[in-house]
């Protein structure tokens, strides 16, 4: 399929659907082909690499995950 630049501007969603369906699309300026729209390959899923942050994270308080006692909360946040 060949379309002009003006038609491509007005019909971009339709052109994208055509390319997804496997139809080649060429955009022409004054009848001269300037751009081919092609479907990209699906990106490969990367498998997670566990342990990449090992040694880069320091835990200063090993009990950081434990809830605060009432006294600690009072000291940190004040209260009524």
PDB file of N, CA and C in Angstrom:
ATOM      1  N   UNK A   1       0.846  -1.169   0.000  1.00  0.00           N
ATOM      2  CA  UNK A   1       0.000   0.000   0.000  1.00  0.00           C
ATOM      3  C   UNK A   1       0.895   1.236   0.000  1.00  0.00           C
ATOM      4  N   UNK A   2       0.563   2.213  -0.825  1.00  0.00           N
ATOM      5  CA  UNK A   2       1.279   3.475  -0.843  1.00  0.00           C
ATOM      6  C   UNK A   2       0.303   4.590  -0.509  1.00  0.00           C
ATOM      7  N   UNK A   3       0.716   5.487   0.375  1.00  0.00           N
ATOM      8  CA  UNK A   3      -0.125   6.618   0.762  1.00  0.00           C
ATOM      9  C   UNK A   3       0.705   7.885   0.763  1.00  0.00           C
ATOM     10  N   UNK A   4       0.030   9.021   0.596  1.00  0.00           N
ATOM     11  CA  UNK A   4       0.723  10.301   0.659  1.00  0.00           C
ATOM     12  C   UNK A   4       0.955  10.680   2.122  1.00  0.00           C
ATOM     13  N   UNK A   5       1.806  11.666   2.322  1.00  0.00           N
ATOM     14  CA  UNK A   5       2.085  12.134   3.678  1.00  0.00           C
ATOM     15  C   UNK A   5       0.793  12.648   4.326  1.00  0.00           C
ATOM     16  N   UNK A   6       0.000  13.400   3.578  1.00  0.00           N
ATOM     17  CA  UNK A   6      -1.254  13.948   4.107  1.00  0.00           C
ATOM     18  C   UNK A   6      -2.200  12.820   4.510  1.00  0.00           C
ATOM     19  N   UNK A   7      -2.335  11.791   3.666  1.00  0.00           N
ATOM     20  CA  UNK A   7      -3.196  10.664   4.005  1.00  0.00           C
ATOM     21  C   UNK A   7      -2.664   9.915   5.223  1.00  0.00           C
ATOM     22  N   UNK A   8      -1.356   9.798   5.302  1.00  0.00           N
ATOM     23  CA  UNK A   8      -0.754   9.100   6.441  1.00  0.00           C
ATOM     24  C   UNK A   8      -1.056   9.830   7.742  1.00  0.00           C
ATOM     25  N   UNK A   9      -1.030  11.167   7.703  1.00  0.00           N
ATOM     26  CA  UNK A   9      -1.344  11.946   8.900  1.00  0.00           C
ATOM     27  C   UNK A   9      -2.786  11.705   9.347  1.00  0.00           C
ATOM     28  N   UNK A  10      -3.679  11.622   8.381  1.00  0.00           N
ATOM     29  CA  UNK A  10      -5.103  11.486   8.683  1.00  0.00           C
ATOM     30  C   UNK A  10      -5.507  10.051   9.016  1.00  0.00           C
ATOM     31  N   UNK A  11      -4.731   9.078   8.550  1.00  0.00           N
ATOM     32  CA  UNK A  11      -5.132   7.680   8.691  1.00  0.00           C
ATOM     33  C   UNK A  11      -4.105   6.833   9.437  1.00  0.00           C
ATOM     34  N   UNK A  12      -3.340   7.452  10.303  1.00  0.00           N
ATOM     35  CA  UNK A  12      -2.278   6.712  10.984  1.00  0.00           C
ATOM     36  C   UNK A  12      -2.781   5.479  11.736  1.00  0.00           C
ATOM     37  N   UNK A  13      -3.862   5.557  12.519  1.00  0.00           N
ATOM     38  CA  UNK A  13      -4.313   4.343  13.207  1.00  0.00           C
ATOM     39  C   UNK A  13      -4.665   3.204  12.240  1.00  0.00           C
ATOM     40  N   UNK A  14      -5.270   3.550  11.106  1.00  0.00           N
ATOM     41  CA  UNK A  14      -5.608   2.528  10.114  1.00  0.00           C
ATOM     42  C   UNK A  14      -4.347   1.928   9.497  1.00  0.00           C
ATOM     43  N   UNK A  15      -3.350   2.767   9.245  1.00  0.00           N
ATOM     44  CA  UNK A  15      -2.099   2.272   8.669  1.00  0.00           C
ATOM     45  C   UNK A  15      -1.388   1.339   9.643  1.00  0.00           C
ATOM     46  N   UNK A  16      -1.417   1.699  10.912  1.00  0.00           N
ATOM     47  CA  UNK A  16      -0.784   0.845  11.918  1.00  0.00           C
ATOM     48  C   UNK A  16      -1.458  -0.523  11.959  1.00  0.00           C
ATOM     49  N   UNK A  17      -2.788  -0.528  11.898  1.00  0.00           N
ATOM     50  CA  UNK A  17      -3.507  -1.807  11.887  1.00  0.00           C
ATOM     51  C   UNK A  17      -3.144  -2.630  10.653  1.00  0.00           C
ATOM     52  N   UNK A  18      -2.981  -1.963   9.504  1.00  0.00           N
ATOM     53  CA  UNK A  18      -2.618  -2.678   8.282  1.00  0.00           C
ATOM     54  C   UNK A  18      -1.234  -3.296   8.416  1.00  0.00           C
ATOM     55  N   UNK A  19      -0.316  -2.553   8.986  1.00  0.00           N
ATOM     56  CA  UNK A  19       1.047  -3.082   9.169  1.00  0.00           C
ATOM     57  C   UNK A  19       1.029  -4.248  10.154  1.00  0.00           C
ATOM     58  N   UNK A  20       0.244  -4.132  11.218  1.00  0.00           N
ATOM     59  CA  UNK A  20       0.130  -5.225  12.175  1.00  0.00           C
ATOM     60  C   UNK A  20      -0.418  -6.484  11.514  1.00  0.00           C
ATOM     61  N   UNK A  21      -1.264  -6.288  10.508  1.00  0.00           N
ATOM     62  CA  UNK A  21      -1.847  -7.423   9.794  1.00  0.00           C
ATOM     63  C   UNK A  21      -0.895  -7.991   8.749  1.00  0.00           C
ATOM     64  N   UNK A  22       0.271  -7.359   8.577  1.00  0.00           N
ATOM     65  CA  UNK A  22       1.264  -7.885   7.656  1.00  0.00           C
ATOM     66  C   UNK A  22       1.343  -7.172   6.323  1.00  0.00           C
ATOM     67  N   UNK A  23       0.545  -6.124   6.125  1.00  0.00           N
ATOM     68  CA  UNK A  23       0.572  -5.390   4.853  1.00  0.00           C
ATOM     69  C   UNK A  23       1.656  -4.318   4.903  1.00  0.00           C
ATOM     70  N   UNK A  24       2.544  -4.299   3.914  1.00  0.00           N
ATOM     71  CA  UNK A  24       3.574  -3.244   3.904  1.00  0.00           C
ATOM     72  C   UNK A  24       2.956  -1.899   3.534  1.00  0.00           C
ATOM     73  N   UNK A  25       3.412  -0.844   4.198  1.00  0.00           N
ATOM     74  CA  UNK A  25       2.914   0.506   3.926  1.00  0.00           C
ATOM     75  C   UNK A  25       4.093   1.407   3.591  1.00  0.00           C
ATOM     76  N   UNK A  26       3.975   2.133   2.479  1.00  0.00           N
ATOM     77  CA  UNK A  26       4.995   3.087   2.060  1.00  0.00           C
ATOM     78  C   UNK A  26       4.371   4.471   2.015  1.00  0.00           C
ATOM     79  N   UNK A  27       5.021   5.419   2.646  1.00  0.00           N
ATOM     80  CA  UNK A  27       4.553   6.811   2.617  1.00  0.00           C
ATOM     81  C   UNK A  27       5.356   7.548   1.560  1.00  0.00           C
ATOM     82  N   UNK A  28       4.626   8.262   0.682  1.00  0.00           N
ATOM     83  CA  UNK A  28       5.262   8.961  -0.440  1.00  0.00           C
ATOM     84  C   UNK A  28       5.078  10.470  -0.306  1.00  0.00           C
ATOM     85  N   UNK A  29       6.085  11.196  -0.741  1.00  0.00           N
ATOM     86  CA  UNK A  29       5.998  12.656  -0.834  1.00  0.00           C
ATOM     87  C   UNK A  29       6.107  13.007  -2.316  1.00  0.00           C
ATOM     88  N   UNK A  30       5.055  13.612  -2.822  1.00  0.00           N
ATOM     89  CA  UNK A  30       4.966  13.970  -4.242  1.00  0.00           C
ATOM     90  C   UNK A  30       5.229  12.758  -5.140  1.00  0.00           C
ATOM     91  N   UNK A  31       4.697  11.622  -4.730  1.00  0.00           N
ATOM     92  CA  UNK A  31       4.813  10.407  -5.521  1.00  0.00           C
ATOM     93  C   UNK A  31       6.116   9.646  -5.353  1.00  0.00           C
ATOM     94  N   UNK A  32       7.031  10.182  -4.552  1.00  0.00           N
ATOM     95  CA  UNK A  32       8.323   9.533  -4.342  1.00  0.00           C
ATOM     96  C   UNK A  32       8.309   8.841  -2.972  1.00  0.00           C
ATOM     97  N   UNK A  33       8.555   7.529  -2.928  1.00  0.00           N
ATOM     98  CA  UNK A  33       8.577   6.831  -1.638  1.00  0.00           C
ATOM     99  C   UNK A  33       9.668   7.383  -0.726  1.00  0.00           C
ATOM    100  N   UNK A  34       9.277   7.695   0.526  1.00  0.00           N
ATOM    101  CA  UNK A  34      10.258   8.231   1.479  1.00  0.00           C
ATOM    102  C   UNK A  34      10.355   7.412   2.757  1.00  0.00           C
ATOM    103  N   UNK A  35       9.262   6.722   3.113  1.00  0.00           N
ATOM    104  CA  UNK A  35       9.259   5.986   4.378  1.00  0.00           C
ATOM    105  C   UNK A  35       8.497   4.681   4.201  1.00  0.00           C
ATOM    106  N   UNK A  36       9.063   3.608   4.745  1.00  0.00           N
ATOM    107  CA  UNK A  36       8.358   2.340   4.831  1.00  0.00           C
ATOM    108  C   UNK A  36       8.009   2.101   6.291  1.00  0.00           C
ATOM    109  N   UNK A  37       6.771   1.746   6.533  1.00  0.00           N
ATOM    110  CA  UNK A  37       6.368   1.398   7.885  1.00  0.00           C
ATOM    111  C   UNK A  37       6.408  -0.117   7.978  1.00  0.00           C
ATOM    112  N   UNK A  38       7.166  -0.616   8.943  1.00  0.00           N
ATOM    113  CA  UNK A  38       7.310  -2.062   9.109  1.00  0.00           C
ATOM    114  C   UNK A  38       6.963  -2.445  10.533  1.00  0.00           C
ATOM    115  N   UNK A  39       6.519  -3.658  10.690  1.00  0.00           N
ATOM    116  CA  UNK A  39       6.190  -4.167  12.011  1.00  0.00           C
ATOM    117  C   UNK A  39       7.481  -4.519  12.749  1.00  0.00           C
ATOM    118  N   UNK A  40       7.536  -4.156  14.004  1.00  0.00           N
ATOM    119  CA  UNK A  40       8.701  -4.510  14.805  1.00  0.00           C
ATOM    120  C   UNK A  40       8.547  -5.919  15.328  1.00  0.00           C
ATOM    121  N   UNK A  41       9.659  -6.512  15.673  1.00  0.00           N
ATOM    122  CA  UNK A  41       9.625  -7.836  16.291  1.00  0.00           C
ATOM    123  C   UNK A  41       9.219  -7.668  17.738  1.00  0.00           C
ATOM    124  N   UNK A  42       8.554  -8.669  18.260  1.00  0.00           N
ATOM    125  CA  UNK A  42       8.168  -8.611  19.661  1.00  0.00           C
ATOM    126  C   UNK A  42       9.420  -8.618  20.525  1.00  0.00           C
ATOM    127  N   UNK A  43       9.465  -7.756  21.539  1.00  0.00           N
ATOM    128  CA  UNK A  43      10.637  -7.762  22.410  1.00  0.00           C
ATOM    129  C   UNK A  43      10.714  -9.072  23.192  1.00  0.00           C
ATOM    130  N   UNK A  44      11.914  -9.574  23.316  1.00  0.00           N
ATOM    131  CA  UNK A  44      12.117 -10.810  24.070  1.00  0.00           C
ATOM    132  C   UNK A  44      11.959 -10.508  25.549  1.00  0.00           C
ATOM    133  N   UNK A  45      11.254 -11.384  26.248  1.00  0.00           N
ATOM    134  CA  UNK A  45      11.110 -11.197  27.690  1.00  0.00           C
ATOM    135  C   UNK A  45      12.429 -11.537  28.361  1.00  0.00           C
ATOM    136  N   UNK A  46      12.863 -10.629  29.178  1.00  0.00           N
ATOM    137  CA  UNK A  46      14.091 -10.875  29.935  1.00  0.00           C
ATOM    138  C   UNK A  46      13.749 -11.611  31.207  1.00  0.00           C
ATOM    139  N   UNK A  47      14.530 -12.604  31.496  1.00  0.00           N
ATOM    140  CA  UNK A  47      14.347 -13.304  32.754  1.00  0.00           C
ATOM    141  C   UNK A  47      15.005 -12.479  33.850  1.00  0.00           C
ATOM    142  N   UNK A  48      14.369 -12.392  35.013  1.00  0.00           N
ATOM    143  CA  UNK A  48      14.971 -11.615  36.097  1.00  0.00           C
ATOM    144  C   UNK A  48      16.285 -12.247  36.559  1.00  0.00           C
ATOM    145  N   UNK A  49      17.229 -11.389  36.834  1.00  0.00           N
ATOM    146  CA  UNK A  49      18.522 -11.855  37.351  1.00  0.00           C
ATOM    147  C   UNK A  49      18.545 -11.561  38.842  1.00  0.00           C
ATOM    148  N   UNK A  50      18.391 -12.598  39.610  1.00  0.00           N
ATOM    149  CA  UNK A  50      18.371 -12.433  41.052  1.00  0.00           C
ATOM    150  C   UNK A  50      19.798 -12.270  41.582  1.00  0.00           C
ATOM    151  N   UNK A  51      19.910 -11.436  42.585  1.00  0.00           N
ATOM    152  CA  UNK A  51      21.210 -11.230  43.214  1.00  0.00           C
ATOM    153  C   UNK A  51      22.013 -10.095  42.621  1.00  0.00           C
ATOM    154  N   UNK A  52      21.423  -9.316  41.696  1.00  0.00           N
ATOM    155  CA  UNK A  52      22.193  -8.238  41.064  1.00  0.00           C
ATOM    156  C   UNK A  52      22.471  -7.086  42.017  1.00  0.00           C
ATOM    157  N   UNK A  53      21.707  -6.977  43.110  1.00  0.00           N
ATOM    158  CA  UNK A  53      21.941  -5.903  44.081  1.00  0.00           C
ATOM    159  C   UNK A  53      22.710  -6.379  45.307  1.00  0.00           C
ATOM    160  N   UNK A  54      23.161  -7.624  45.268  1.00  0.00           N
ATOM    161  CA  UNK A  54      23.901  -8.154  46.405  1.00  0.00           C
ATOM    162  C   UNK A  54      25.135  -7.291  46.674  1.00  0.00           C
ATOM    163  N   UNK A  55      25.281  -6.873  47.923  1.00  0.00           N
ATOM    164  CA  UNK A  55      26.429  -6.057  48.321  1.00  0.00           C
ATOM    165  C   UNK A  55      26.221  -4.566  48.088  1.00  0.00           C
ATOM    166  N   UNK A  56      25.116  -4.185  47.455  1.00  0.00           N
ATOM    167  CA  UNK A  56      24.874  -2.768  47.170  1.00  0.00           C
ATOM    168  C   UNK A  56      23.870  -2.141  48.134  1.00  0.00           C
ATOM    169  N   UNK A  57      23.190  -2.969  48.911  1.00  0.00           N
ATOM    170  CA  UNK A  57      22.204  -2.478  49.866  1.00  0.00           C
ATOM    171  C   UNK A  57      22.718  -2.736  51.275  1.00  0.00           C
ATOM    172  N   UNK A  58      22.716  -1.676  52.073  1.00  0.00           N
ATOM    173  CA  UNK A  58      23.150  -1.816  53.458  1.00  0.00           C
ATOM    174  C   UNK A  58      21.952  -1.618  54.364  1.00  0.00           C
ATOM    175  N   UNK A  59      21.785  -2.495  55.326  1.00  0.00           N
ATOM    176  CA  UNK A  59      20.698  -2.386  56.294  1.00  0.00           C
ATOM    177  C   UNK A  59      21.307  -1.911  57.602  1.00  0.00           C
ATOM    178  N   UNK A  60      20.928  -0.699  58.024  1.00  0.00           N
ATOM    179  CA  UNK A  60      21.488  -0.126  59.238  1.00  0.00           C
ATOM    180  C   UNK A  60      20.764  -0.626  60.485  1.00  0.00           C
ATOM    181  N   UNK A  61      19.499  -0.936  60.360  1.00  0.00           N
ATOM    182  CA  UNK A  61      18.721  -1.427  61.486  1.00  0.00           C
ATOM    183  C   UNK A  61      18.103  -2.758  61.083  1.00  0.00           C
ATOM    184  N   UNK A  62      18.627  -3.864  61.583  1.00  0.00           N
ATOM    185  CA  UNK A  62      18.108  -5.165  61.164  1.00  0.00           C
ATOM    186  C   UNK A  62      16.653  -5.392  61.578  1.00  0.00           C
ATOM    187  N   UNK A  63      16.120  -4.599  62.499  1.00  0.00           N
ATOM    188  CA  UNK A  63      14.727  -4.744  62.932  1.00  0.00           C
ATOM    189  C   UNK A  63      13.834  -3.675  62.313  1.00  0.00           C
ATOM    190  N   UNK A  64      14.225  -3.124  61.168  1.00  0.00           N
ATOM    191  CA  UNK A  64      13.482  -2.038  60.534  1.00  0.00           C
ATOM    192  C   UNK A  64      12.046  -2.432  60.208  1.00  0.00           C
ATOM    193  N   UNK A  65      11.794  -3.663  59.996  1.00  0.00           N
ATOM    194  CA  UNK A  65      10.487  -4.130  59.561  1.00  0.00           C
ATOM    195  C   UNK A  65       9.497  -4.333  60.708  1.00  0.00           C
ATOM    196  N   UNK A  66       9.990  -4.328  61.940  1.00  0.00           N
ATOM    197  CA  UNK A  66       9.119  -4.563  63.095  1.00  0.00           C
ATOM    198  C   UNK A  66       8.322  -3.293  63.406  1.00  0.00           C
ATOM    199  N   UNK A  67       7.072  -3.456  63.865  1.00  0.00           N
ATOM    200  CA  UNK A  67       6.270  -2.277  64.207  1.00  0.00           C
ATOM    201  C   UNK A  67       6.865  -1.536  65.399  1.00  0.00           C
ATOM    202  N   UNK A  68       6.621  -0.230  65.441  1.00  0.00           N
ATOM    203  CA  UNK A  68       7.104   0.589  66.546  1.00  0.00           C
ATOM    204  C   UNK A  68       6.287   0.305  67.804  1.00  0.00           C
ATOM    205  N   UNK A  69       6.958   0.406  68.935  1.00  0.00           N
ATOM    206  CA  UNK A  69       6.223   0.333  70.198  1.00  0.00           C
ATOM    207  C   UNK A  69       5.527   1.677  70.384  1.00  0.00           C
ATOM    208  N   UNK A  70       4.572   1.721  71.299  1.00  0.00           N
ATOM    209  CA  UNK A  70       3.868   2.980  71.563  1.00  0.00           C
ATOM    210  C   UNK A  70       4.844   4.073  72.003  1.00  0.00           C
ATOM    211  N   UNK A  71       5.828   3.699  72.805  1.00  0.00           N
ATOM    212  CA  UNK A  71       6.808   4.675  73.293  1.00  0.00           C
ATOM    213  C   UNK A  71       7.640   5.235  72.128  1.00  0.00           C
ATOM    214  N   UNK A  72       8.095   4.353  71.226  1.00  0.00           N
ATOM    215  CA  UNK A  72       8.884   4.804  70.070  1.00  0.00           C
ATOM    216  C   UNK A  72       8.064   5.710  69.156  1.00  0.00           C
ATOM    217  N   UNK A  73       6.816   5.365  68.941  1.00  0.00           N
ATOM    218  CA  UNK A  73       5.947   6.183  68.105  1.00  0.00           C
ATOM    219  C   UNK A  73       5.726   7.548  68.737  1.00  0.00           C
ATOM    220  N   UNK A  74       5.562   7.584  70.072  1.00  0.00           N
ATOM    221  CA  UNK A  74       5.383   8.850  70.777  1.00  0.00           C
ATOM    222  C   UNK A  74       6.619   9.727  70.619  1.00  0.00           C
ATOM    223  N   UNK A  75       7.812   9.128  70.735  1.00  0.00           N
ATOM    224  CA  UNK A  75       9.051   9.887  70.616  1.00  0.00           C
ATOM    225  C   UNK A  75       9.237  10.428  69.195  1.00  0.00           C
ATOM    226  N   UNK A  76       8.903   9.626  68.192  1.00  0.00           N
ATOM    227  CA  UNK A  76       9.104  10.036  66.811  1.00  0.00           C
ATOM    228  C   UNK A  76       8.070  11.033  66.326  1.00  0.00           C
ATOM    229  N   UNK A  77       6.814  10.800  66.640  1.00  0.00           N
ATOM    230  CA  UNK A  77       5.744  11.562  66.023  1.00  0.00           C
ATOM    231  C   UNK A  77       5.026  12.491  66.978  1.00  0.00           C
ATOM    232  N   UNK A  78       5.390  12.458  68.249  1.00  0.00           N
ATOM    233  CA  UNK A  78       4.681  13.268  69.224  1.00  0.00           C
ATOM    234  C   UNK A  78       3.294  12.700  69.452  1.00  0.00           C
ATOM    235  N   UNK A  79       2.498  13.367  70.107  1.00  0.00           N
ATOM    236  CA  UNK A  79       1.156  12.838  70.298  1.00  0.00           C
ATOM    237  C   UNK A  79       0.361  13.701  71.235  1.00  0.00           C
ATOM    238  N   UNK A  80      -0.811  13.224  71.477  1.00  0.00           N
ATOM    239  CA  UNK A  80      -1.720  13.984  72.335  1.00  0.00           C
ATOM    240  C   UNK A  80      -1.749  13.423  73.722  1.00  0.00           C
TER     241      UNK A  80
END
